[in-house]
Amino acid sequence: MKPDKCHEFLQYRLQVYDRWGRLMFTSYNVQDSWDGTHKGQPCDQGFNFFILSMPEI
């Protein structure tokens, strides 16, 4: 998962959670992307959700 055309935002935060609400990934850099792993181990397939924050200034 990698956002496109977000370079113009000054603030950015992406958080990915598993189905139980455990945080799997956080990034403050729009160039980062989640590779489906957590602490170097592949995550279980299934439902994941994300929160993307890009407030306008």
PDB file of N, CA and C in Angstrom:
ATOM      1  N   MET A   1       0.849  -1.148   0.000  1.00  0.00           N
ATOM      2  CA  MET A   1       0.000   0.000   0.000  1.00  0.00           C
ATOM      3  C   MET A   1       0.906   1.225   0.000  1.00  0.00           C
ATOM      4  N   LYS A   2       0.766   2.060  -0.994  1.00  0.00           N
ATOM      5  CA  LYS A   2       1.571   3.273  -1.069  1.00  0.00           C
ATOM      6  C   LYS A   2       0.718   4.389  -1.646  1.00  0.00           C
ATOM      7  N   PRO A   3       0.536   5.473  -0.874  1.00  0.00           N
ATOM      8  CA  PRO A   3      -0.273   6.580  -1.393  1.00  0.00           C
ATOM      9  C   PRO A   3       0.386   7.255  -2.582  1.00  0.00           C
ATOM     10  N   ASP A   4      -0.437   7.813  -3.443  1.00  0.00           N
ATOM     11  CA  ASP A   4       0.058   8.485  -4.638  1.00  0.00           C
ATOM     12  C   ASP A   4      -0.360   9.955  -4.574  1.00  0.00           C
ATOM     13  N   LYS A   5       0.507  10.820  -5.062  1.00  0.00           N
ATOM     14  CA  LYS A   5       0.218  12.256  -5.158  1.00  0.00           C
ATOM     15  C   LYS A   5      -0.021  12.904  -3.792  1.00  0.00           C
ATOM     16  N   CYS A   6       0.754  12.506  -2.779  1.00  0.00           N
ATOM     17  CA  CYS A   6       0.618  13.094  -1.446  1.00  0.00           C
ATOM     18  C   CYS A   6       1.786  14.001  -1.119  1.00  0.00           C
ATOM     19  N   HIS A   7       2.670  14.225  -2.065  1.00  0.00           N
ATOM     20  CA  HIS A   7       3.891  14.979  -1.806  1.00  0.00           C
ATOM     21  C   HIS A   7       3.626  16.423  -1.382  1.00  0.00           C
ATOM     22  N   GLU A   8       2.453  16.954  -1.677  1.00  0.00           N
ATOM     23  CA  GLU A   8       2.204  18.353  -1.344  1.00  0.00           C
ATOM     24  C   GLU A   8       1.730  18.552   0.098  1.00  0.00           C
ATOM     25  N   PHE A   9       1.480  17.486   0.821  1.00  0.00           N
ATOM     26  CA  PHE A   9       1.055  17.604   2.207  1.00  0.00           C
ATOM     27  C   PHE A   9       2.271  17.716   3.110  1.00  0.00           C
ATOM     28  N   LEU A  10       2.213  18.659   4.057  1.00  0.00           N
ATOM     29  CA  LEU A  10       3.333  18.881   4.964  1.00  0.00           C
ATOM     30  C   LEU A  10       3.320  17.902   6.130  1.00  0.00           C
ATOM     31  N   GLN A  11       2.148  17.436   6.525  1.00  0.00           N
ATOM     32  CA  GLN A  11       2.026  16.464   7.601  1.00  0.00           C
ATOM     33  C   GLN A  11       1.344  15.223   7.059  1.00  0.00           C
ATOM     34  N   TYR A  12       1.796  14.057   7.536  1.00  0.00           N
ATOM     35  CA  TYR A  12       1.291  12.796   7.017  1.00  0.00           C
ATOM     36  C   TYR A  12       1.495  11.733   8.086  1.00  0.00           C
ATOM     37  N   ARG A  13       0.501  10.883   8.289  1.00  0.00           N
ATOM     38  CA  ARG A  13       0.668   9.731   9.175  1.00  0.00           C
ATOM     39  C   ARG A  13      -0.202   8.594   8.660  1.00  0.00           C
ATOM     40  N   LEU A  14       0.404   7.434   8.490  1.00  0.00           N
ATOM     41  CA  LEU A  14      -0.303   6.224   8.092  1.00  0.00           C
ATOM     42  C   LEU A  14      -0.123   5.194   9.191  1.00  0.00           C
ATOM     43  N   GLN A  15      -1.240   4.644   9.663  1.00  0.00           N
ATOM     44  CA  GLN A  15      -1.206   3.584  10.663  1.00  0.00           C
ATOM     45  C   GLN A  15      -2.016   2.409  10.129  1.00  0.00           C
ATOM     46  N   VAL A  16      -1.451   1.196  10.224  1.00  0.00           N
ATOM     47  CA  VAL A  16      -2.134  -0.017   9.786  1.00  0.00           C
ATOM     48  C   VAL A  16      -2.352  -0.902  11.012  1.00  0.00           C
ATOM     49  N   TYR A  17      -3.581  -1.391  11.168  1.00  0.00           N
ATOM     50  CA  TYR A  17      -3.965  -2.230  12.308  1.00  0.00           C
ATOM     51  C   TYR A  17      -4.453  -3.584  11.812  1.00  0.00           C
ATOM     52  N   ASP A  18      -4.305  -4.609  12.671  1.00  0.00           N
ATOM     53  CA  ASP A  18      -4.859  -5.913  12.328  1.00  0.00           C
ATOM     54  C   ASP A  18      -6.314  -5.987  12.784  1.00  0.00           C
ATOM     55  N   ARG A  19      -6.933  -7.128  12.584  1.00  0.00           N
ATOM     56  CA  ARG A  19      -8.364  -7.280  12.892  1.00  0.00           C
ATOM     57  C   ARG A  19      -8.686  -7.121  14.377  1.00  0.00           C
ATOM     58  N   TRP A  20      -7.677  -7.270  15.237  1.00  0.00           N
ATOM     59  CA  TRP A  20      -7.872  -7.131  16.679  1.00  0.00           C
ATOM     60  C   TRP A  20      -7.497  -5.736  17.177  1.00  0.00           C
ATOM     61  N   GLY A  21      -7.151  -4.846  16.269  1.00  0.00           N
ATOM     62  CA  GLY A  21      -6.831  -3.480  16.642  1.00  0.00           C
ATOM     63  C   GLY A  21      -5.392  -3.264  17.067  1.00  0.00           C
ATOM     64  N   ARG A  22      -4.536  -4.250  16.817  1.00  0.00           N
ATOM     65  CA  ARG A  22      -3.118  -4.094  17.149  1.00  0.00           C
ATOM     66  C   ARG A  22      -2.415  -3.341  16.028  1.00  0.00           C
ATOM     67  N   LEU A  23      -1.604  -2.376  16.416  1.00  0.00           N
ATOM     68  CA  LEU A  23      -0.869  -1.568  15.447  1.00  0.00           C
ATOM     69  C   LEU A  23       0.220  -2.406  14.787  1.00  0.00           C
ATOM     70  N   MET A  24       0.198  -2.485  13.460  1.00  0.00           N
ATOM     71  CA  MET A  24       1.166  -3.270  12.703  1.00  0.00           C
ATOM     72  C   MET A  24       2.227  -2.407  12.036  1.00  0.00           C
ATOM     73  N   PHE A  25       1.874  -1.158  11.718  1.00  0.00           N
ATOM     74  CA  PHE A  25       2.781  -0.303  10.954  1.00  0.00           C
ATOM     75  C   PHE A  25       2.404   1.153  11.175  1.00  0.00           C
ATOM     76  N   THR A  26       3.410   1.998  11.300  1.00  0.00           N
ATOM     77  CA  THR A  26       3.220   3.448  11.365  1.00  0.00           C
ATOM     78  C   THR A  26       4.274   4.114  10.502  1.00  0.00           C
ATOM     79  N   SER A  27       3.878   5.139   9.767  1.00  0.00           N
ATOM     80  CA  SER A  27       4.835   5.907   8.975  1.00  0.00           C
ATOM     81  C   SER A  27       4.440   7.373   8.988  1.00  0.00           C
ATOM     82  N   TYR A  28       5.459   8.213   9.048  1.00  0.00           N
ATOM     83  CA  TYR A  28       5.272   9.662   8.921  1.00  0.00           C
ATOM     84  C   TYR A  28       5.876  10.162   7.609  1.00  0.00           C
ATOM     85  N   ASN A  29       6.303   9.231   6.774  1.00  0.00           N
ATOM     86  CA  ASN A  29       6.956   9.552   5.505  1.00  0.00           C
ATOM     87  C   ASN A  29       6.093   9.040   4.362  1.00  0.00           C
ATOM     88  N   VAL A  30       5.634   9.924   3.507  1.00  0.00           N
ATOM     89  CA  VAL A  30       4.752   9.544   2.401  1.00  0.00           C
ATOM     90  C   VAL A  30       5.427   8.571   1.429  1.00  0.00           C
ATOM     91  N   GLN A  31       6.739   8.496   1.447  1.00  0.00           N
ATOM     92  CA  GLN A  31       7.460   7.586   0.557  1.00  0.00           C
ATOM     93  C   GLN A  31       7.514   6.152   1.087  1.00  0.00           C
ATOM     94  N   ASP A  32       7.177   5.947   2.366  1.00  0.00           N
ATOM     95  CA  ASP A  32       7.176   4.602   2.948  1.00  0.00           C
ATOM     96  C   ASP A  32       5.918   3.859   2.539  1.00  0.00           C
ATOM     97  N   SER A  33       6.014   2.549   2.496  1.00  0.00           N
ATOM     98  CA  SER A  33       4.837   1.726   2.235  1.00  0.00           C
ATOM     99  C   SER A  33       4.892   0.492   3.136  1.00  0.00           C
ATOM    100  N   TRP A  34       3.735  -0.056   3.455  1.00  0.00           N
ATOM    101  CA  TRP A  34       3.651  -1.247   4.291  1.00  0.00           C
ATOM    102  C   TRP A  34       3.811  -2.476   3.418  1.00  0.00           C
ATOM    103  N   ASP A  35       4.689  -3.381   3.817  1.00  0.00           N
ATOM    104  CA  ASP A  35       4.961  -4.578   3.022  1.00  0.00           C
ATOM    105  C   ASP A  35       4.229  -5.815   3.529  1.00  0.00           C
ATOM    106  N   GLY A  36       3.307  -5.649   4.466  1.00  0.00           N
ATOM    107  CA  GLY A  36       2.529  -6.780   4.966  1.00  0.00           C
ATOM    108  C   GLY A  36       3.213  -7.555   6.074  1.00  0.00           C
ATOM    109  N   THR A  37       4.278  -6.982   6.646  1.00  0.00           N
ATOM    110  CA  THR A  37       4.975  -7.658   7.735  1.00  0.00           C
ATOM    111  C   THR A  37       4.884  -6.833   9.015  1.00  0.00           C
ATOM    112  N   HIS A  38       5.173  -7.507  10.128  1.00  0.00           N
ATOM    113  CA  HIS A  38       5.244  -6.847  11.438  1.00  0.00           C
ATOM    114  C   HIS A  38       6.429  -7.448  12.178  1.00  0.00           C
ATOM    115  N   LYS A  39       7.384  -6.607  12.538  1.00  0.00           N
ATOM    116  CA  LYS A  39       8.622  -7.046  13.198  1.00  0.00           C
ATOM    117  C   LYS A  39       9.334  -8.125  12.382  1.00  0.00           C
ATOM    118  N   GLY A  40       9.312  -7.949  11.058  1.00  0.00           N
ATOM    119  CA  GLY A  40      10.022  -8.841  10.157  1.00  0.00           C
ATOM    120  C   GLY A  40       9.306 -10.131   9.806  1.00  0.00           C
ATOM    121  N   GLN A  41       8.113 -10.341  10.339  1.00  0.00           N
ATOM    122  CA  GLN A  41       7.351 -11.560  10.071  1.00  0.00           C
ATOM    123  C   GLN A  41       6.103 -11.227   9.256  1.00  0.00           C
ATOM    124  N   PRO A  42       5.748 -12.092   8.290  1.00  0.00           N
ATOM    125  CA  PRO A  42       4.532 -11.843   7.510  1.00  0.00           C
ATOM    126  C   PRO A  42       3.299 -11.838   8.414  1.00  0.00           C
ATOM    127  N   CYS A  43       2.399 -10.916   8.170  1.00  0.00           N
ATOM    128  CA  CYS A  43       1.145 -10.863   8.923  1.00  0.00           C
ATOM    129  C   CYS A  43       0.168 -11.885   8.358  1.00  0.00           C
ATOM    130  N   ASP A  44      -0.743 -12.342   9.215  1.00  0.00           N
ATOM    131  CA  ASP A  44      -1.788 -13.248   8.752  1.00  0.00           C
ATOM    132  C   ASP A  44      -2.645 -12.551   7.709  1.00  0.00           C
ATOM    133  N   GLN A  45      -3.083 -13.325   6.734  1.00  0.00           N
ATOM    134  CA  GLN A  45      -4.006 -12.766   5.758  1.00  0.00           C
ATOM    135  C   GLN A  45      -5.347 -12.565   6.430  1.00  0.00           C
ATOM    136  N   GLY A  46      -6.037 -11.547   6.027  1.00  0.00           N
ATOM    137  CA  GLY A  46      -7.340 -11.264   6.603  1.00  0.00           C
ATOM    138  C   GLY A  46      -7.603  -9.781   6.618  1.00  0.00           C
ATOM    139  N   PHE A  47      -8.509  -9.395   7.464  1.00  0.00           N
ATOM    140  CA  PHE A  47      -8.955  -8.008   7.543  1.00  0.00           C
ATOM    141  C   PHE A  47      -7.907  -7.140   8.227  1.00  0.00           C
ATOM    142  N   ASN A  48      -7.500  -6.079   7.568  1.00  0.00           N
ATOM    143  CA  ASN A  48      -6.648  -5.040   8.147  1.00  0.00           C
ATOM    144  C   ASN A  48      -7.308  -3.710   7.827  1.00  0.00           C
ATOM    145  N   PHE A  49      -7.096  -2.751   8.692  1.00  0.00           N
ATOM    146  CA  PHE A  49      -7.619  -1.422   8.389  1.00  0.00           C
ATOM    147  C   PHE A  49      -6.531  -0.398   8.629  1.00  0.00           C
ATOM    148  N   PHE A  50      -6.719   0.766   8.042  1.00  0.00           N
ATOM    149  CA  PHE A  50      -5.702   1.802   8.172  1.00  0.00           C
ATOM    150  C   PHE A  50      -6.351   3.138   8.497  1.00  0.00           C
ATOM    151  N   ILE A  51      -5.536   3.996   9.094  1.00  0.00           N
ATOM    152  CA  ILE A  51      -5.911   5.382   9.347  1.00  0.00           C
ATOM    153  C   ILE A  51      -4.859   6.238   8.664  1.00  0.00           C
ATOM    154  N   LEU A  52      -5.297   7.077   7.771  1.00  0.00           N
ATOM    155  CA  LEU A  52      -4.415   7.982   7.048  1.00  0.00           C
ATOM    156  C   LEU A  52      -4.777   9.404   7.449  1.00  0.00           C
ATOM    157  N   SER A  53      -3.816  10.109   8.045  1.00  0.00           N
ATOM    158  CA  SER A  53      -4.036  11.492   8.481  1.00  0.00           C
ATOM    159  C   SER A  53      -3.157  12.418   7.665  1.00  0.00           C
ATOM    160  N   MET A  54      -3.788  13.377   7.002  1.00  0.00           N
ATOM    161  CA  MET A  54      -3.070  14.374   6.211  1.00  0.00           C
ATOM    162  C   MET A  54      -3.769  15.712   6.409  1.00  0.00           C
ATOM    163  N   PRO A  55      -3.589  16.325   7.591  1.00  0.00           N
ATOM    164  CA  PRO A  55      -4.283  17.589   7.846  1.00  0.00           C
ATOM    165  C   PRO A  55      -3.771  18.711   6.955  1.00  0.00           C
ATOM    166  N   GLU A  56      -4.671  19.562   6.561  1.00  0.00           N
ATOM    167  CA  GLU A  56      -4.289  20.733   5.767  1.00  0.00           C
ATOM    168  C   GLU A  56      -3.863  21.848   6.709  1.00  0.00           C
ATOM    169  N   ILE A  57      -2.863  22.590   6.301  1.00  0.00           N
ATOM    170  CA  ILE A  57      -2.388  23.717   7.109  1.00  0.00           C
ATOM    171  C   ILE A  57      -2.728  25.003   6.391  1.00  0.00           C
TER     172      ILE A  57
END
